[in-house]
Amino acid sequence: MSTQTSEYKRITTKTVLAMKQKGEKLAMLTAYDFITARLLDDAGIEIILVGDSVANVVQGLETTIPVTLDEMIYHTKVVRRAVKRAMLLADMPFMSYQVDVKEAVRNCGRMLKESGAEAVKMEGGSRMIPLIEQLVDIGIPVMGHLGLTPQSIYKFGTYEVRAKESAEAKQLVNDAIALDKAGVFGIVLEKIPDTLAAKVTKSVSCSTIGIGAGAFCDGQVLVTNDMLGMNEQFRPRFVRKYANLSEEMRTAFQSYIADVKLAKFPSKKESY
C-alpha cells in the first residue's frame, strides 16, 4: 500500500475530496468478481468501479448498451463481499436513469440498497443536473462522466477523442462546472485532450478521474482486464499494460492439458 494513502482506513467521498485538496493522486480500477475485488482492495486501491464495461470484458458484447440494472446489481453485490477499505462505485446502466427523474432516483436507490454500492456513476452533462441534485439531497453520492461517454456511442459513431474542437471543449468545461455545483464528488473524463482535462481539474472542487485524459487529472482509472493484458484485441494508446496475463494464462492452460494427456497430473502427492 502506498505511504501516501495508508492513513485512510476507509475511502469515502470525504476522503476523495480531501485527497484533491492535498494534491494526492487517486487510483481507481474495475472489478466484476469477488477474487479480483479482494486483490484490488488488499493492494490499496482507493475506488473500485463495477463498470458497465462488464458488457465488454465479461459478457463479450460489442457495446455497454445491453447491460441491465439487475446485472449491474448482481456484479456489484458480488464485489461488495470482498471490499473492506476501498470505496465501491457502481455504473448506472443505459436507460436506468435517462427516462425521468423519479424512475432514476428509484433505480439508484435500488443499486445502493440491493448491491451495497456506496456511490453511483452516470454519464451526461448539464441535462443531468435535476437528477444529481435530487440524488445528492437524499444522500446518494454521484460521480459524473464526461467526454467520450460509451453509452452514447451510437450518437458519436466513433470511439475517437472528444472535445478537440473549441465549441465542444467549452461545453465540456461548462458541463463539468455544472456537475460540480450540483454536488458530484467526482467526474470521470474520458478520451479528451490533456490540456482540456487540466482546465477542468482547475475549474472544479470535485475530483477528476482521467481515462485517456492525460496526467493532469486528480486521479486515473483503467479497466483491470486491460491493464493486466488480458484483452489482446483492445490496444488503445491510453492503456499501459502492467502484465501480460493472456500469454501467461494460455501457457498455463497448455501446460495443464499436456500434463493431463501425459498422465503427469495428478501425481501421487496430489492424490488421496
Protein backbone atom coordinates (compact mmCIF):
# COMPACT_ATOMS: atom_id res chain seq x y z
CA MET A 1 0.00 0.00 0.00
CA SER A 2 1.32 3.45 -0.84
CA THR A 3 2.52 5.52 2.12
CA GLN A 4 0.63 8.48 0.67
CA THR A 5 -2.82 6.99 1.33
CA SER A 6 -2.11 4.49 4.15
CA GLU A 7 -3.59 6.93 6.68
CA TYR A 8 -7.08 6.35 5.27
CA LYS A 9 -8.75 3.34 6.89
CA ARG A 10 -11.83 3.63 4.70
CA ILE A 11 -12.20 5.56 1.46
CA THR A 12 -15.30 7.75 1.39
CA THR A 13 -16.48 10.77 -0.57
CA LYS A 14 -14.87 12.90 2.14
CA THR A 15 -11.57 11.09 1.55
CA VAL A 16 -11.75 11.65 -2.19
CA LEU A 17 -12.29 15.39 -1.77
CA ALA A 18 -9.56 15.61 0.88
CA MET A 19 -7.09 13.90 -1.44
CA LYS A 20 -7.73 16.53 -4.11
CA GLN A 21 -7.18 19.33 -1.63
CA LYS A 22 -3.88 17.75 -0.53
CA GLY A 23 -2.76 17.09 -4.09
CA GLU A 24 -2.76 13.30 -3.61
CA LYS A 25 -3.41 11.27 -6.76
CA LEU A 26 -6.27 8.78 -6.61
CA ALA A 27 -6.22 5.32 -8.21
CA MET A 28 -9.34 3.57 -9.48
CA LEU A 29 -9.73 0.21 -11.24
CA THR A 30 -12.65 -2.01 -12.20
CA ALA A 31 -13.82 -5.32 -10.75
CA TYR A 32 -16.73 -7.59 -11.56
CA ASP A 33 -15.93 -10.63 -9.37
CA PHE A 34 -15.01 -11.46 -5.78
CA ILE A 35 -11.37 -12.56 -6.22
CA THR A 36 -10.32 -9.58 -8.34
CA ALA A 37 -12.02 -7.20 -5.93
CA ARG A 38 -10.26 -8.75 -2.93
CA LEU A 39 -6.87 -8.42 -4.62
CA LEU A 40 -7.55 -4.79 -5.53
CA ASP A 41 -8.66 -3.95 -2.01
CA ASP A 42 -5.63 -5.68 -0.50
CA ALA A 43 -3.35 -3.75 -2.84
CA GLY A 44 -4.67 -0.43 -1.56
CA ILE A 45 -6.79 0.86 -4.44
CA GLU A 46 -8.91 3.86 -3.47
CA ILE A 47 -12.00 3.24 -5.63
CA ILE A 48 -13.27 0.00 -7.14
CA LEU A 49 -15.64 0.62 -10.03
CA VAL A 50 -18.13 -2.04 -11.04
CA GLY A 51 -18.35 -0.66 -14.55
CA ASP A 52 -20.84 -1.33 -17.30
CA SER A 53 -17.66 -2.37 -19.14
CA VAL A 54 -18.67 -5.77 -17.75
CA ALA A 55 -20.50 -5.98 -21.07
CA ASN A 56 -17.21 -5.96 -22.99
CA VAL A 57 -14.81 -7.91 -20.77
CA VAL A 58 -17.16 -10.43 -19.13
CA GLN A 59 -20.21 -10.76 -21.38
CA GLY A 60 -18.37 -10.44 -24.71
CA LEU A 61 -20.65 -7.70 -26.04
CA GLU A 62 -19.57 -5.02 -28.51
CA THR A 63 -21.01 -2.08 -26.52
CA THR A 64 -22.20 -1.36 -22.99
CA ILE A 65 -25.75 -0.67 -24.15
CA PRO A 66 -27.32 -4.12 -23.42
CA VAL A 67 -26.27 -4.35 -19.74
CA THR A 68 -29.27 -4.34 -17.41
CA LEU A 69 -29.74 -2.86 -13.96
CA ASP A 70 -30.25 -6.32 -12.48
CA GLU A 71 -26.94 -7.49 -13.96
CA MET A 72 -25.12 -4.47 -12.56
CA ILE A 73 -26.66 -5.05 -9.13
CA TYR A 74 -25.60 -8.71 -9.25
CA HIS A 75 -21.95 -7.98 -10.09
CA THR A 76 -21.75 -5.14 -7.56
CA LYS A 77 -23.19 -7.37 -4.84
CA VAL A 78 -20.52 -9.99 -5.59
CA VAL A 79 -17.73 -7.40 -5.43
CA ARG A 80 -19.15 -5.93 -2.20
CA ARG A 81 -18.38 -9.17 -0.34
CA ALA A 82 -14.65 -8.68 -0.94
CA VAL A 83 -14.23 -4.95 -0.34
CA LYS A 84 -13.24 -3.70 3.11
CA ARG A 85 -11.34 -0.45 2.54
CA ALA A 86 -11.93 0.91 -0.96
CA MET A 87 -14.97 2.91 -1.99
CA LEU A 88 -17.35 0.79 -4.04
CA LEU A 89 -18.70 2.70 -7.05
CA ALA A 90 -21.26 1.28 -9.49
CA ASP A 91 -22.16 2.35 -13.01
CA MET A 92 -25.82 3.01 -13.69
CA PRO A 93 -26.52 1.24 -16.99
CA PHE A 94 -28.10 2.68 -20.11
CA MET A 95 -31.80 3.60 -19.74
CA SER A 96 -31.78 3.11 -15.97
CA TYR A 97 -31.58 6.88 -15.34
CA GLN A 98 -32.36 8.71 -18.61
CA VAL A 99 -36.16 8.34 -18.76
CA ASP A 100 -37.31 10.55 -15.88
CA VAL A 101 -36.03 11.71 -12.52
CA LYS A 102 -38.48 9.70 -10.42
CA GLU A 103 -37.57 6.40 -12.09
CA ALA A 104 -33.86 7.24 -11.98
CA VAL A 105 -33.93 8.01 -8.25
CA ARG A 106 -35.70 4.72 -7.59
CA ASN A 107 -33.14 2.79 -9.67
CA CYS A 108 -30.20 4.47 -7.97
CA GLY A 109 -31.78 3.67 -4.63
CA ARG A 110 -32.09 0.02 -5.68
CA MET A 111 -28.41 -0.02 -6.58
CA LEU A 112 -27.33 1.13 -3.12
CA LYS A 113 -29.88 -0.94 -1.17
CA GLU A 114 -29.53 -4.21 -3.06
CA SER A 115 -25.85 -4.23 -4.08
CA GLY A 116 -24.05 -2.45 -1.27
CA ALA A 117 -22.53 0.18 -3.55
CA GLU A 118 -21.58 3.41 -1.82
CA ALA A 119 -21.98 5.68 -4.84
CA VAL A 120 -23.24 5.63 -8.42
CA LYS A 121 -21.68 6.86 -11.64
CA MET A 122 -23.66 8.17 -14.59
CA GLU A 123 -22.86 9.73 -17.94
CA GLY A 124 -24.03 13.13 -19.16
CA GLY A 125 -23.66 16.87 -18.72
CA SER A 126 -25.98 19.70 -17.77
CA ARG A 127 -29.15 17.76 -18.56
CA MET A 128 -28.35 15.52 -15.57
CA ILE A 129 -28.43 18.37 -13.03
CA PRO A 130 -32.03 17.92 -11.75
CA LEU A 131 -31.39 14.23 -11.12
CA ILE A 132 -27.99 14.74 -9.49
CA GLU A 133 -29.34 17.44 -7.18
CA GLN A 134 -32.16 15.17 -6.00
CA LEU A 135 -29.86 12.18 -5.52
CA VAL A 136 -27.35 14.21 -3.50
CA ASP A 137 -30.20 15.72 -1.49
CA ILE A 138 -31.43 12.29 -0.38
CA GLY A 139 -27.93 11.03 0.35
CA ILE A 140 -26.84 9.13 -2.76
CA PRO A 141 -23.28 10.16 -3.79
CA VAL A 142 -22.81 10.66 -7.52
CA MET A 143 -19.81 10.61 -9.84
CA GLY A 144 -20.28 12.16 -13.26
CA HIS A 145 -18.76 11.12 -16.59
CA LEU A 146 -17.91 13.49 -19.46
CA GLY A 147 -16.02 13.36 -22.75
CA LEU A 148 -16.33 10.03 -24.52
CA THR A 149 -19.43 8.52 -22.93
CA PRO A 150 -19.73 4.90 -24.11
CA GLN A 151 -23.49 4.76 -23.60
CA SER A 152 -23.78 7.41 -26.34
CA ILE A 153 -21.61 5.52 -28.83
CA TYR A 154 -24.39 5.26 -31.41
CA LYS A 155 -24.76 9.04 -31.27
CA PHE A 156 -21.00 9.63 -31.62
CA GLY A 157 -20.46 6.83 -34.14
CA THR A 158 -16.82 6.51 -33.08
CA TYR A 159 -14.56 5.99 -30.08
CA GLU A 160 -12.22 8.81 -31.14
CA VAL A 161 -11.06 11.60 -28.82
CA ARG A 162 -13.81 14.04 -27.86
CA ALA A 163 -13.80 17.83 -27.37
CA LYS A 164 -10.95 18.58 -29.75
CA GLU A 165 -12.96 21.46 -31.26
CA SER A 166 -13.40 24.67 -29.26
CA ALA A 167 -17.21 24.56 -29.09
CA GLU A 168 -17.35 21.04 -27.65
CA ALA A 169 -14.44 21.82 -25.32
CA LYS A 170 -16.22 24.89 -23.98
CA GLN A 171 -19.42 22.89 -23.44
CA LEU A 172 -17.50 20.19 -21.60
CA VAL A 173 -15.99 22.74 -19.18
CA ASN A 174 -19.43 24.26 -18.60
CA ASP A 175 -20.91 20.81 -18.01
CA ALA A 176 -18.16 19.94 -15.53
CA ILE A 177 -18.73 23.14 -13.57
CA ALA A 178 -22.49 22.49 -13.54
CA LEU A 179 -21.98 18.91 -12.28
CA ASP A 180 -19.63 20.19 -9.59
CA LYS A 181 -22.16 22.78 -8.40
CA ALA A 182 -24.88 20.12 -8.39
CA GLY A 183 -22.86 18.16 -5.83
CA VAL A 184 -20.97 15.35 -7.58
CA PHE A 185 -17.89 14.21 -5.65
CA GLY A 186 -16.02 13.31 -8.82
CA ILE A 187 -16.09 13.36 -12.61
CA VAL A 188 -14.59 10.79 -14.97
CA LEU A 189 -13.02 12.50 -18.00
CA GLU A 190 -12.67 10.03 -20.86
CA LYS A 191 -10.59 10.49 -24.02
CA ILE A 192 -10.23 14.26 -24.10
CA PRO A 193 -7.09 16.40 -24.70
CA ASP A 194 -4.85 16.61 -21.62
CA THR A 195 -4.86 20.42 -21.70
CA LEU A 196 -8.66 20.42 -21.52
CA ALA A 197 -8.59 17.92 -18.65
CA ALA A 198 -6.17 20.21 -16.82
CA LYS A 199 -8.54 23.16 -17.31
CA VAL A 200 -11.49 21.17 -15.98
CA THR A 201 -9.49 19.95 -12.98
CA LYS A 202 -8.64 23.53 -12.02
CA SER A 203 -12.23 24.69 -12.57
CA VAL A 204 -13.98 22.27 -10.20
CA SER A 205 -13.77 21.47 -6.50
CA CYS A 206 -14.63 17.80 -7.01
CA SER A 207 -12.10 15.16 -8.06
CA THR A 208 -11.39 14.49 -11.74
CA ILE A 209 -10.56 10.91 -12.77
CA GLY A 210 -8.95 10.52 -16.16
CA ILE A 211 -9.03 7.68 -18.65
CA GLY A 212 -7.21 8.70 -21.77
CA ALA A 213 -7.27 12.29 -20.49
CA GLY A 214 -3.62 12.86 -19.59
CA ALA A 215 -1.72 13.27 -16.34
CA PHE A 216 -3.28 16.47 -15.01
CA CYS A 217 -6.41 14.86 -13.54
CA ASP A 218 -6.72 14.26 -9.80
CA GLY A 219 -6.73 10.50 -10.39
CA GLN A 220 -6.76 7.78 -13.02
CA VAL A 221 -8.94 4.80 -13.90
CA LEU A 222 -8.44 1.82 -16.19
CA VAL A 223 -10.33 -1.38 -16.86
CA THR A 224 -8.44 -4.00 -14.84
CA ASN A 225 -8.62 -6.62 -17.58
CA ASP A 226 -6.97 -4.16 -19.98
CA MET A 227 -4.11 -3.11 -17.73
CA LEU A 228 -3.39 -6.76 -16.92
CA GLY A 229 -3.04 -7.56 -20.62
CA MET A 230 -5.95 -9.98 -20.69
CA ASN A 231 -7.68 -8.41 -23.69
CA GLU A 232 -5.39 -8.88 -26.69
CA GLN A 233 -7.83 -7.28 -29.13
CA PHE A 234 -8.09 -3.95 -27.27
CA ARG A 235 -4.95 -1.82 -27.55
CA PRO A 236 -5.69 1.90 -27.17
CA ARG A 237 -2.75 4.20 -26.53
CA PHE A 238 -4.03 5.23 -23.08
CA VAL A 239 -3.82 1.69 -21.64
CA ARG A 240 -0.48 0.83 -20.05
CA LYS A 241 -0.14 -2.92 -19.68
CA TYR A 242 1.30 -3.81 -16.28
CA ALA A 243 1.23 -7.53 -17.05
CA ASN A 244 0.72 -9.95 -19.93
CA LEU A 245 -1.74 -12.31 -18.31
CA SER A 246 -3.25 -13.52 -21.57
CA GLU A 247 0.05 -15.15 -22.52
CA GLU A 248 0.69 -16.45 -19.00
CA MET A 249 -2.81 -17.92 -18.80
CA ARG A 250 -2.54 -19.53 -22.23
CA THR A 251 0.81 -21.10 -21.29
CA ALA A 252 -0.64 -22.40 -18.00
CA PHE A 253 -3.65 -23.90 -19.77
CA GLN A 254 -1.43 -25.63 -22.32
CA SER A 255 0.84 -27.00 -19.59
CA TYR A 256 -2.16 -28.38 -17.73
CA ILE A 257 -3.53 -30.02 -20.89
CA ALA A 258 -0.15 -31.59 -21.62
CA ASP A 259 0.23 -32.92 -18.07
CA VAL A 260 -3.24 -34.49 -18.19
CA LYS A 261 -2.60 -36.08 -21.60
CA LEU A 262 0.74 -37.50 -20.42
CA ALA A 263 -0.70 -38.67 -17.10
CA LYS A 264 1.66 -36.35 -15.21
CA PHE A 265 -1.22 -34.80 -13.32
CA PRO A 266 -2.24 -35.61 -10.68
CA SER A 267 0.87 -37.00 -9.06
CA LYS A 268 0.91 -39.37 -6.08
CA LYS A 269 1.46 -36.37 -3.80
CA GLU A 270 -1.62 -34.68 -5.27
CA SER A 271 -3.80 -37.75 -4.72
CA TYR A 272 -5.57 -39.18 -1.66
